[in-house]
Amino acid sequence: MSENVYGPIVTLIVGLIFVWLLVTGLKRGEMELPYFGITLSGRRNDQPIAYWAVTAVIATIAAFALLATIFQIFLPHGL
């Protein structure tokens, strides 16, 4: 299987995972970004700065992953 096929599939899956984290965090009012050694988290009510910082990190990763998917589909050989 070529990287032109599985590359966009992998980046789309990663992007959708981070979109799911973003949507569920916004609904619950608790944003959490789990990682191997550390978990970034914040609650909207009592930790607004941490909440919005984690929200910004998750939204940035999701946006970049979805943009990477689009660029891999429409520009498979780069610019």
Protein backbone atom coordinates (compact mmCIF):
# COMPACT_ATOMS: atom_id res chain seq x y z
CA MET A 1 0.00 0.00 0.00
CA SER A 2 1.37 3.39 -0.95
CA GLU A 3 1.94 6.26 1.43
CA ASN A 4 -0.35 8.29 -0.85
CA VAL A 5 -3.16 6.02 0.34
CA TYR A 6 -2.45 5.37 4.01
CA GLY A 7 -1.01 8.83 4.81
CA PRO A 8 -4.32 10.70 4.49
CA ILE A 9 -6.15 7.88 6.29
CA VAL A 10 -3.83 8.09 9.30
CA THR A 11 -3.92 11.89 9.50
CA LEU A 12 -7.71 11.89 9.15
CA ILE A 13 -8.04 9.42 12.02
CA VAL A 14 -5.69 11.51 14.19
CA GLY A 15 -7.60 14.68 13.31
CA LEU A 16 -10.94 13.08 14.14
CA ILE A 17 -9.64 11.85 17.49
CA PHE A 18 -8.60 15.37 18.44
CA VAL A 19 -11.89 16.84 17.17
CA TRP A 20 -13.69 14.28 19.34
CA LEU A 21 -11.57 15.31 22.36
CA LEU A 22 -12.38 18.96 21.64
CA VAL A 23 -16.14 18.46 21.28
CA THR A 24 -16.50 16.26 24.35
CA GLY A 25 -14.39 18.64 26.41
CA LEU A 26 -16.48 21.62 25.38
CA LYS A 27 -19.70 19.76 26.22
CA ARG A 28 -18.52 18.59 29.65
CA GLY A 29 -16.73 21.77 30.67
CA GLU A 30 -13.59 19.74 31.40
CA MET A 31 -10.82 19.67 28.85
CA GLU A 32 -8.26 16.88 29.09
CA LEU A 33 -5.33 15.96 26.90
CA PRO A 34 -3.97 12.58 28.03
CA TYR A 35 -0.35 11.75 27.29
CA PHE A 36 2.06 9.03 28.41
CA GLY A 37 3.80 10.90 31.21
CA ILE A 38 1.53 13.86 31.89
CA THR A 39 -2.11 14.76 31.45
CA LEU A 40 -2.99 18.37 30.70
CA SER A 41 -6.41 19.25 32.07
CA GLY A 42 -8.59 22.12 33.18
CA ARG A 43 -12.15 22.83 34.24
CA ARG A 44 -14.07 25.76 32.83
CA ASN A 45 -15.57 26.86 36.17
CA ASP A 46 -12.57 27.00 38.49
CA GLN A 47 -9.54 26.76 36.13
CA PRO A 48 -10.43 28.92 33.10
CA ILE A 49 -6.85 29.67 32.01
CA ALA A 50 -5.81 26.01 32.06
CA TYR A 51 -9.08 25.05 30.36
CA TRP A 52 -8.63 27.47 27.47
CA ALA A 53 -4.90 26.67 27.16
CA VAL A 54 -5.63 22.95 26.78
CA THR A 55 -8.49 23.82 24.41
CA ALA A 56 -6.10 25.84 22.26
CA VAL A 57 -3.57 22.98 22.16
CA ILE A 58 -6.18 20.40 21.17
CA ALA A 59 -7.76 22.71 18.57
CA THR A 60 -4.35 23.47 17.04
CA ILE A 61 -3.43 19.79 16.75
CA ALA A 62 -6.85 18.97 15.26
CA ALA A 63 -6.63 21.80 12.72
CA PHE A 64 -3.11 20.84 11.64
CA ALA A 65 -4.04 17.16 11.29
CA LEU A 66 -7.10 17.99 9.17
CA LEU A 67 -5.07 20.42 7.04
CA ALA A 68 -2.42 17.74 6.56
CA THR A 69 -5.13 15.37 5.36
CA ILE A 70 -6.42 17.89 2.83
CA PHE A 71 -2.93 18.73 1.58
CA GLN A 72 -2.02 15.05 1.22
CA ILE A 73 -5.12 14.42 -0.86
CA PHE A 74 -4.89 17.45 -3.16
CA LEU A 75 -1.09 17.90 -3.26
CA PRO A 76 0.31 14.36 -3.06
CA HIS A 77 3.72 15.36 -4.44
CA GLY A 78 4.10 18.53 -2.36
CA LEU A 79 4.22 22.12 -3.55
